[in-house]
Amino acid sequence: QGTLAVDVTAPTRVSLSVPELGISAADPAGPHVID
């Protein structure tokens, strides 16, 4: 398994997309667990 979390500092909301892993998330921090 892989675990992905992205800490973002920004004035507006930020989403995360990793199409190859099927990730489309409004919260980049997750954490997102991928098999």
PDB file of all heavy atoms in Angstrom:
ATOM      1  N   GLN A   1       0.821  -1.204   0.000  1.00  0.00           N
ATOM      2  CA  GLN A   1       0.000   0.000   0.000  1.00  0.00           C
ATOM      3  C   GLN A   1       0.862   1.264   0.000  1.00  0.00           C
ATOM      4  O   GLN A   1       1.934   1.308   0.613  1.00  0.00           O
ATOM      5  CB  GLN A   1      -0.918   0.024   1.223  1.00  0.00           C
ATOM      6  CG  GLN A   1      -2.050  -0.970   1.184  1.00  0.00           C
ATOM      7  CD  GLN A   1      -2.960  -0.842   2.397  1.00  0.00           C
ATOM      8  OE1 GLN A   1      -2.511  -0.469   3.484  1.00  0.00           O
ATOM      9  NE2 GLN A   1      -4.237  -1.156   2.226  1.00  0.00           N
ATOM     10  N   GLY A   2       0.357   2.256  -0.690  1.00  0.00           N
ATOM     11  CA  GLY A   2       0.942   3.583  -0.631  1.00  0.00           C
ATOM     12  C   GLY A   2       0.039   4.517   0.129  1.00  0.00           C
ATOM     13  O   GLY A   2      -1.189   4.364   0.121  1.00  0.00           O
ATOM     14  N   THR A   3       0.633   5.477   0.821  1.00  0.00           N
ATOM     15  CA  THR A   3      -0.132   6.480   1.561  1.00  0.00           C
ATOM     16  C   THR A   3       0.288   7.853   1.065  1.00  0.00           C
ATOM     17  O   THR A   3       1.477   8.181   1.032  1.00  0.00           O
ATOM     18  CB  THR A   3       0.131   6.381   3.073  1.00  0.00           C
ATOM     19  OG1 THR A   3      -0.175   5.060   3.519  1.00  0.00           O
ATOM     20  CG2 THR A   3      -0.744   7.383   3.827  1.00  0.00           C
ATOM     21  N   LEU A   4      -0.699   8.661   0.678  1.00  0.00           N
ATOM     22  CA  LEU A   4      -0.432   9.972   0.101  1.00  0.00           C
ATOM     23  C   LEU A   4      -1.172  11.047   0.882  1.00  0.00           C
ATOM     24  O   LEU A   4      -2.377  10.936   1.131  1.00  0.00           O
ATOM     25  CB  LEU A   4      -0.870  10.011  -1.364  1.00  0.00           C
ATOM     26  CG  LEU A   4      -0.736  11.351  -2.098  1.00  0.00           C
ATOM     27  CD1 LEU A   4       0.721  11.794  -2.155  1.00  0.00           C
ATOM     28  CD2 LEU A   4      -1.325  11.244  -3.496  1.00  0.00           C
ATOM     29  N   ALA A   5      -0.438  12.085   1.290  1.00  0.00           N
ATOM     30  CA  ALA A   5      -1.032  13.254   1.946  1.00  0.00           C
ATOM     31  C   ALA A   5      -0.277  14.482   1.447  1.00  0.00           C
ATOM     32  O   ALA A   5       0.955  14.468   1.368  1.00  0.00           O
ATOM     33  CB  ALA A   5      -0.933  13.147   3.461  1.00  0.00           C
ATOM     34  N   VAL A   6      -1.009  15.529   1.106  1.00  0.00           N
ATOM     35  CA  VAL A   6      -0.402  16.760   0.614  1.00  0.00           C
ATOM     36  C   VAL A   6      -0.827  17.906   1.510  1.00  0.00           C
ATOM     37  O   VAL A   6      -2.018  18.222   1.588  1.00  0.00           O
ATOM     38  CB  VAL A   6      -0.793  17.046  -0.850  1.00  0.00           C
ATOM     39  CG1 VAL A   6      -0.050  18.274  -1.365  1.00  0.00           C
ATOM     40  CG2 VAL A   6      -0.520  15.837  -1.733  1.00  0.00           C
ATOM     41  N   ASP A   7       0.123  18.508   2.204  1.00  0.00           N
ATOM     42  CA  ASP A   7      -0.143  19.704   3.005  1.00  0.00           C
ATOM     43  C   ASP A   7      -0.075  20.925   2.097  1.00  0.00           C
ATOM     44  O   ASP A   7       0.923  21.125   1.389  1.00  0.00           O
ATOM     45  CB  ASP A   7       0.886  19.853   4.126  1.00  0.00           C
ATOM     46  CG  ASP A   7       0.860  18.693   5.104  1.00  0.00           C
ATOM     47  OD1 ASP A   7      -0.221  18.092   5.265  1.00  0.00           O
ATOM     48  OD2 ASP A   7       1.913  18.375   5.684  1.00  0.00           O
ATOM     49  N   VAL A   8      -1.119  21.738   2.111  1.00  0.00           N
ATOM     50  CA  VAL A   8      -1.194  22.892   1.216  1.00  0.00           C
ATOM     51  C   VAL A   8      -1.453  24.155   2.025  1.00  0.00           C
ATOM     52  O   VAL A   8      -2.307  24.169   2.918  1.00  0.00           O
ATOM     53  CB  VAL A   8      -2.319  22.714   0.169  1.00  0.00           C
ATOM     54  CG1 VAL A   8      -2.358  23.922  -0.774  1.00  0.00           C
ATOM     55  CG2 VAL A   8      -2.128  21.425  -0.621  1.00  0.00           C
ATOM     56  N   THR A   9      -0.711  25.203   1.714  1.00  0.00           N
ATOM     57  CA  THR A   9      -0.961  26.528   2.275  1.00  0.00           C
ATOM     58  C   THR A   9      -1.431  27.415   1.140  1.00  0.00           C
ATOM     59  O   THR A   9      -0.681  27.693   0.200  1.00  0.00           O
ATOM     60  CB  THR A   9       0.318  27.122   2.896  1.00  0.00           C
ATOM     61  OG1 THR A   9       0.830  26.221   3.880  1.00  0.00           O
ATOM     62  CG2 THR A   9       0.024  28.469   3.546  1.00  0.00           C
ATOM     63  N   ALA A  10      -2.694  27.852   1.210  1.00  0.00           N
ATOM     64  CA  ALA A  10      -3.273  28.605   0.100  1.00  0.00           C
ATOM     65  C   ALA A  10      -4.428  29.455   0.609  1.00  0.00           C
ATOM     66  O   ALA A  10      -5.080  29.119   1.613  1.00  0.00           O
ATOM     67  CB  ALA A  10      -3.770  27.662  -0.991  1.00  0.00           C
ATOM     68  N   PRO A  11      -4.729  30.581  -0.079  1.00  0.00           N
ATOM     69  CA  PRO A  11      -5.842  31.444   0.350  1.00  0.00           C
ATOM     70  C   PRO A  11      -7.215  30.883  -0.001  1.00  0.00           C
ATOM     71  O   PRO A  11      -8.226  31.354   0.509  1.00  0.00           O
ATOM     72  CB  PRO A  11      -5.574  32.749  -0.410  1.00  0.00           C
ATOM     73  CG  PRO A  11      -4.803  32.338  -1.625  1.00  0.00           C
ATOM     74  CD  PRO A  11      -3.964  31.175  -1.191  1.00  0.00           C
ATOM     75  N   THR A  12      -7.269  29.879  -0.899  1.00  0.00           N
ATOM     76  CA  THR A  12      -8.540  29.264  -1.274  1.00  0.00           C
ATOM     77  C   THR A  12      -8.418  27.752  -1.150  1.00  0.00           C
ATOM     78  O   THR A  12      -7.334  27.204  -0.979  1.00  0.00           O
ATOM     79  CB  THR A  12      -8.916  29.623  -2.722  1.00  0.00           C
ATOM     80  OG1 THR A  12      -7.901  29.129  -3.611  1.00  0.00           O
ATOM     81  CG2 THR A  12      -9.042  31.130  -2.897  1.00  0.00           C
ATOM     82  N   ARG A  13      -9.542  27.076  -1.262  1.00  0.00           N
ATOM     83  CA  ARG A  13      -9.550  25.616  -1.181  1.00  0.00           C
ATOM     84  C   ARG A  13      -8.826  25.025  -2.387  1.00  0.00           C
ATOM     85  O   ARG A  13      -8.886  25.547  -3.505  1.00  0.00           O
ATOM     86  CB  ARG A  13     -10.982  25.084  -1.111  1.00  0.00           C
ATOM     87  CG  ARG A  13     -11.707  25.474   0.169  1.00  0.00           C
ATOM     88  CD  ARG A  13     -13.152  24.999   0.132  1.00  0.00           C
ATOM     89  NE  ARG A  13     -13.229  23.548   0.062  1.00  0.00           N
ATOM     90  CZ  ARG A  13     -13.254  22.735   1.114  1.00  0.00           C
ATOM     91  NH1 ARG A  13     -13.204  23.248   2.332  1.00  0.00           N
ATOM     92  NH2 ARG A  13     -13.342  21.433   0.964  1.00  0.00           N
ATOM     93  N   VAL A  14      -8.160  23.893  -2.153  1.00  0.00           N
ATOM     94  CA  VAL A  14      -7.373  23.228  -3.195  1.00  0.00           C
ATOM     95  C   VAL A  14      -7.740  21.748  -3.210  1.00  0.00           C
ATOM     96  O   VAL A  14      -7.851  21.113  -2.157  1.00  0.00           O
ATOM     97  CB  VAL A  14      -5.863  23.397  -2.949  1.00  0.00           C
ATOM     98  CG1 VAL A  14      -5.055  22.608  -3.968  1.00  0.00           C
ATOM     99  CG2 VAL A  14      -5.477  24.866  -2.981  1.00  0.00           C
ATOM    100  N   SER A  15      -7.952  21.203  -4.408  1.00  0.00           N
ATOM    101  CA  SER A  15      -8.257  19.782  -4.553  1.00  0.00           C
ATOM    102  C   SER A  15      -7.068  19.045  -5.151  1.00  0.00           C
ATOM    103  O   SER A  15      -6.163  19.643  -5.732  1.00  0.00           O
ATOM    104  CB  SER A  15      -9.495  19.578  -5.436  1.00  0.00           C
ATOM    105  OG  SER A  15      -9.256  20.092  -6.740  1.00  0.00           O
ATOM    106  N   LEU A  16      -7.074  17.715  -5.013  1.00  0.00           N
ATOM    107  CA  LEU A  16      -5.985  16.860  -5.475  1.00  0.00           C
ATOM    108  C   LEU A  16      -6.515  15.842  -6.462  1.00  0.00           C
ATOM    109  O   LEU A  16      -7.571  15.239  -6.254  1.00  0.00           O
ATOM    110  CB  LEU A  16      -5.345  16.133  -4.285  1.00  0.00           C
ATOM    111  CG  LEU A  16      -4.368  14.998  -4.603  1.00  0.00           C
ATOM    112  CD1 LEU A  16      -3.112  15.541  -5.285  1.00  0.00           C
ATOM    113  CD2 LEU A  16      -4.014  14.221  -3.335  1.00  0.00           C
ATOM    114  N   SER A  17      -5.754  15.635  -7.544  1.00  0.00           N
ATOM    115  CA  SER A  17      -6.125  14.630  -8.531  1.00  0.00           C
ATOM    116  C   SER A  17      -4.887  13.840  -8.938  1.00  0.00           C
ATOM    117  O   SER A  17      -3.855  14.423  -9.286  1.00  0.00           O
ATOM    118  CB  SER A  17      -6.744  15.303  -9.770  1.00  0.00           C
ATOM    119  OG  SER A  17      -6.958  14.361 -10.802  1.00  0.00           O
ATOM    120  N   VAL A  18      -4.994  12.497  -8.874  1.00  0.00           N
ATOM    121  CA  VAL A  18      -3.966  11.599  -9.403  1.00  0.00           C
ATOM    122  C   VAL A  18      -4.716  10.536 -10.196  1.00  0.00           C
ATOM    123  O   VAL A  18      -5.052   9.471  -9.666  1.00  0.00           O
ATOM    124  CB  VAL A  18      -3.102  10.964  -8.297  1.00  0.00           C
ATOM    125  CG1 VAL A  18      -1.933  10.199  -8.906  1.00  0.00           C
ATOM    126  CG2 VAL A  18      -2.592  12.009  -7.318  1.00  0.00           C
ATOM    127  N   PRO A  19      -5.009  10.792 -11.458  1.00  0.00           N
ATOM    128  CA  PRO A  19      -5.891   9.912 -12.224  1.00  0.00           C
ATOM    129  C   PRO A  19      -5.442   8.451 -12.252  1.00  0.00           C
ATOM    130  O   PRO A  19      -6.268   7.537 -12.164  1.00  0.00           O
ATOM    131  CB  PRO A  19      -5.859  10.536 -13.625  1.00  0.00           C
ATOM    132  CG  PRO A  19      -5.553  11.980 -13.392  1.00  0.00           C
ATOM    133  CD  PRO A  19      -4.615  11.986 -12.220  1.00  0.00           C
ATOM    134  N   GLU A  20      -4.136   8.213 -12.384  1.00  0.00           N
ATOM    135  CA  GLU A  20      -3.643   6.841 -12.497  1.00  0.00           C
ATOM    136  C   GLU A  20      -3.928   6.028 -11.238  1.00  0.00           C
ATOM    137  O   GLU A  20      -4.024   4.790 -11.290  1.00  0.00           O
ATOM    138  CB  GLU A  20      -2.142   6.867 -12.782  1.00  0.00           C
ATOM    139  CG  GLU A  20      -1.585   5.541 -13.249  1.00  0.00           C
ATOM    140  CD  GLU A  20      -0.136   5.636 -13.674  1.00  0.00           C
ATOM    141  OE1 GLU A  20       0.420   6.762 -13.705  1.00  0.00           O
ATOM    142  OE2 GLU A  20       0.457   4.584 -13.973  1.00  0.00           O
ATOM    143  N   LEU A  21      -4.081   6.729 -10.108  1.00  0.00           N
ATOM    144  CA  LEU A  21      -4.365   6.046  -8.845  1.00  0.00           C
ATOM    145  C   LEU A  21      -5.833   6.157  -8.449  1.00  0.00           C
ATOM    146  O   LEU A  21      -6.222   5.712  -7.366  1.00  0.00           O
ATOM    147  CB  LEU A  21      -3.483   6.639  -7.736  1.00  0.00           C
ATOM    148  CG  LEU A  21      -1.981   6.460  -7.916  1.00  0.00           C
ATOM    149  CD1 LEU A  21      -1.222   7.177  -6.801  1.00  0.00           C
ATOM    150  CD2 LEU A  21      -1.605   4.983  -7.955  1.00  0.00           C
ATOM    151  N   GLY A  22      -6.629   6.770  -9.311  1.00  0.00           N
ATOM    152  CA  GLY A  22      -8.050   6.914  -9.023  1.00  0.00           C
ATOM    153  C   GLY A  22      -8.356   7.916  -7.929  1.00  0.00           C
ATOM    154  O   GLY A  22      -9.414   7.835  -7.292  1.00  0.00           O
ATOM    155  N   ILE A  23      -7.455   8.867  -7.685  1.00  0.00           N
ATOM    156  CA  ILE A  23      -7.650   9.858  -6.633  1.00  0.00           C
ATOM    157  C   ILE A  23      -8.222  11.135  -7.220  1.00  0.00           C
ATOM    158  O   ILE A  23      -7.651  11.720  -8.147  1.00  0.00           O
ATOM    159  CB  ILE A  23      -6.326  10.170  -5.907  1.00  0.00           C
ATOM    160  CG1 ILE A  23      -5.805   8.934  -5.192  1.00  0.00           C
ATOM    161  CG2 ILE A  23      -6.509  11.326  -4.932  1.00  0.00           C
ATOM    162  CD1 ILE A  23      -4.456   9.138  -4.535  1.00  0.00           C
ATOM    163  N   SER A  24      -9.342  11.557  -6.696  1.00  0.00           N
ATOM    164  CA  SER A  24      -9.940  12.855  -6.999  1.00  0.00           C
ATOM    165  C   SER A  24     -10.566  13.327  -5.706  1.00  0.00           C
ATOM    166  O   SER A  24     -11.670  12.909  -5.348  1.00  0.00           O
ATOM    167  CB  SER A  24     -10.984  12.735  -8.112  1.00  0.00           C
ATOM    168  OG  SER A  24     -11.561  14.000  -8.392  1.00  0.00           O
ATOM    169  N   ALA A  25      -9.836  14.176  -4.973  1.00  0.00           N
ATOM    170  CA  ALA A  25     -10.205  14.456  -3.595  1.00  0.00           C
ATOM    171  C   ALA A  25     -10.270  15.955  -3.337  1.00  0.00           C
ATOM    172  O   ALA A  25      -9.391  16.708  -3.767  1.00  0.00           O
ATOM    173  CB  ALA A  25      -9.195  13.820  -2.641  1.00  0.00           C
ATOM    174  N   ALA A  26     -11.307  16.355  -2.623  1.00  0.00           N
ATOM    175  CA  ALA A  26     -11.429  17.758  -2.228  1.00  0.00           C
ATOM    176  C   ALA A  26     -10.448  18.104  -1.125  1.00  0.00           C
ATOM    177  O   ALA A  26     -10.091  19.273  -0.950  1.00  0.00           O
ATOM    178  CB  ALA A  26     -12.862  18.054  -1.775  1.00  0.00           C
ATOM    179  N   ASP A  27     -10.007  17.088  -0.375  1.00  0.00           N
ATOM    180  CA  ASP A  27      -9.066  17.306   0.721  1.00  0.00           C
ATOM    181  C   ASP A  27      -7.737  16.632   0.391  1.00  0.00           C
ATOM    182  O   ASP A  27      -7.601  15.412   0.529  1.00  0.00           O
ATOM    183  CB  ASP A  27      -9.632  16.733   2.022  1.00  0.00           C
ATOM    184  CG  ASP A  27      -8.685  16.940   3.197  1.00  0.00           C
ATOM    185  OD1 ASP A  27      -7.715  17.722   3.047  1.00  0.00           O
ATOM    186  OD2 ASP A  27      -8.898  16.319   4.249  1.00  0.00           O
ATOM    187  N   PRO A  28      -6.727  17.398  -0.036  1.00  0.00           N
ATOM    188  CA  PRO A  28      -5.441  16.780  -0.383  1.00  0.00           C
ATOM    189  C   PRO A  28      -4.758  16.102   0.788  1.00  0.00           C
ATOM    190  O   PRO A  28      -3.975  15.172   0.595  1.00  0.00           O
ATOM    191  CB  PRO A  28      -4.606  17.975  -0.877  1.00  0.00           C
ATOM    192  CG  PRO A  28      -5.592  19.038  -1.235  1.00  0.00           C
ATOM    193  CD  PRO A  28      -6.734  18.846  -0.287  1.00  0.00           C
ATOM    194  N   ALA A  29      -5.062  16.576   2.024  1.00  0.00           N
ATOM    195  CA  ALA A  29      -4.349  16.062   3.199  1.00  0.00           C
ATOM    196  C   ALA A  29      -4.712  14.621   3.515  1.00  0.00           C
ATOM    197  O   ALA A  29      -3.949  13.903   4.169  1.00  0.00           O
ATOM    198  CB  ALA A  29      -4.601  16.960   4.405  1.00  0.00           C
ATOM    199  N   GLY A  30      -5.903  14.182   3.058  1.00  0.00           N
ATOM    200  CA  GLY A  30      -6.303  12.795   3.280  1.00  0.00           C
ATOM    201  C   GLY A  30      -6.188  12.333   4.727  1.00  0.00           C
ATOM    202  O   GLY A  30      -6.804  12.902   5.616  1.00  0.00           O
ATOM    203  N   PRO A  31      -5.348  11.315   4.989  1.00  0.00           N
ATOM    204  CA  PRO A  31      -4.446  10.631   4.044  1.00  0.00           C
ATOM    205  C   PRO A  31      -5.191   9.672   3.121  1.00  0.00           C
ATOM    206  O   PRO A  31      -6.221   9.107   3.481  1.00  0.00           O
ATOM    207  CB  PRO A  31      -3.484   9.882   4.961  1.00  0.00           C
ATOM    208  CG  PRO A  31      -4.271   9.629   6.201  1.00  0.00           C
ATOM    209  CD  PRO A  31      -5.205  10.788   6.367  1.00  0.00           C
ATOM    210  N   HIS A  32      -4.645   9.491   1.933  1.00  0.00           N
ATOM    211  CA  HIS A  32      -5.223   8.624   0.921  1.00  0.00           C
ATOM    212  C   HIS A  32      -4.403   7.339   0.855  1.00  0.00           C
ATOM    213  O   HIS A  32      -3.196   7.366   0.627  1.00  0.00           O
ATOM    214  CB  HIS A  32      -5.233   9.326  -0.439  1.00  0.00           C
ATOM    215  CG  HIS A  32      -5.868  10.680  -0.398  1.00  0.00           C
ATOM    216  ND1 HIS A  32      -7.228  10.862  -0.408  1.00  0.00           N
ATOM    217  CD2 HIS A  32      -5.304  11.920  -0.312  1.00  0.00           C
ATOM    218  CE1 HIS A  32      -7.492  12.168  -0.348  1.00  0.00           C
ATOM    219  NE2 HIS A  32      -6.348  12.820  -0.280  1.00  0.00           N
ATOM    220  N   VAL A  33      -5.068   6.203   1.066  1.00  0.00           N
ATOM    221  CA  VAL A  33      -4.406   4.901   1.053  1.00  0.00           C
ATOM    222  C   VAL A  33      -4.726   4.205  -0.263  1.00  0.00           C
ATOM    223  O   VAL A  33      -5.893   4.096  -0.653  1.00  0.00           O
ATOM    224  CB  VAL A  33      -4.854   4.036   2.246  1.00  0.00           C
ATOM    225  CG1 VAL A  33      -4.181   2.672   2.205  1.00  0.00           C
ATOM    226  CG2 VAL A  33      -4.536   4.755   3.560  1.00  0.00           C
ATOM    227  N   ILE A  34      -3.673   3.753  -0.963  1.00  0.00           N
ATOM    228  CA  ILE A  34      -3.842   3.166  -2.291  1.00  0.00           C
ATOM    229  C   ILE A  34      -3.237   1.776  -2.295  1.00  0.00           C
ATOM    230  O   ILE A  34      -2.093   1.570  -1.873  1.00  0.00           O
ATOM    231  CB  ILE A  34      -3.149   4.029  -3.372  1.00  0.00           C
ATOM    232  CG1 ILE A  34      -3.545   5.499  -3.216  1.00  0.00           C
ATOM    233  CG2 ILE A  34      -3.497   3.534  -4.755  1.00  0.00           C
ATOM    234  CD1 ILE A  34      -2.492   6.334  -2.531  1.00  0.00           C
ATOM    235  N   ASP A  35      -3.997   0.800  -2.753  1.00  0.00           N
ATOM    236  CA  ASP A  35      -3.501  -0.572  -2.839  1.00  0.00           C
ATOM    237  C   ASP A  35      -2.666  -0.752  -4.103  1.00  0.00           C
ATOM    238  O   ASP A  35      -2.964  -0.190  -5.165  1.00  0.00           O
ATOM    239  CB  ASP A  35      -4.665  -1.564  -2.869  1.00  0.00           C
ATOM    240  CG  ASP A  35      -5.405  -1.625  -1.537  1.00  0.00           C
ATOM    241  OD1 ASP A  35      -4.734  -1.470  -0.493  1.00  0.00           O
ATOM    242  OD2 ASP A  35      -6.635  -1.797  -1.557  1.00  0.00           O
TER     243      ASP A  35
END
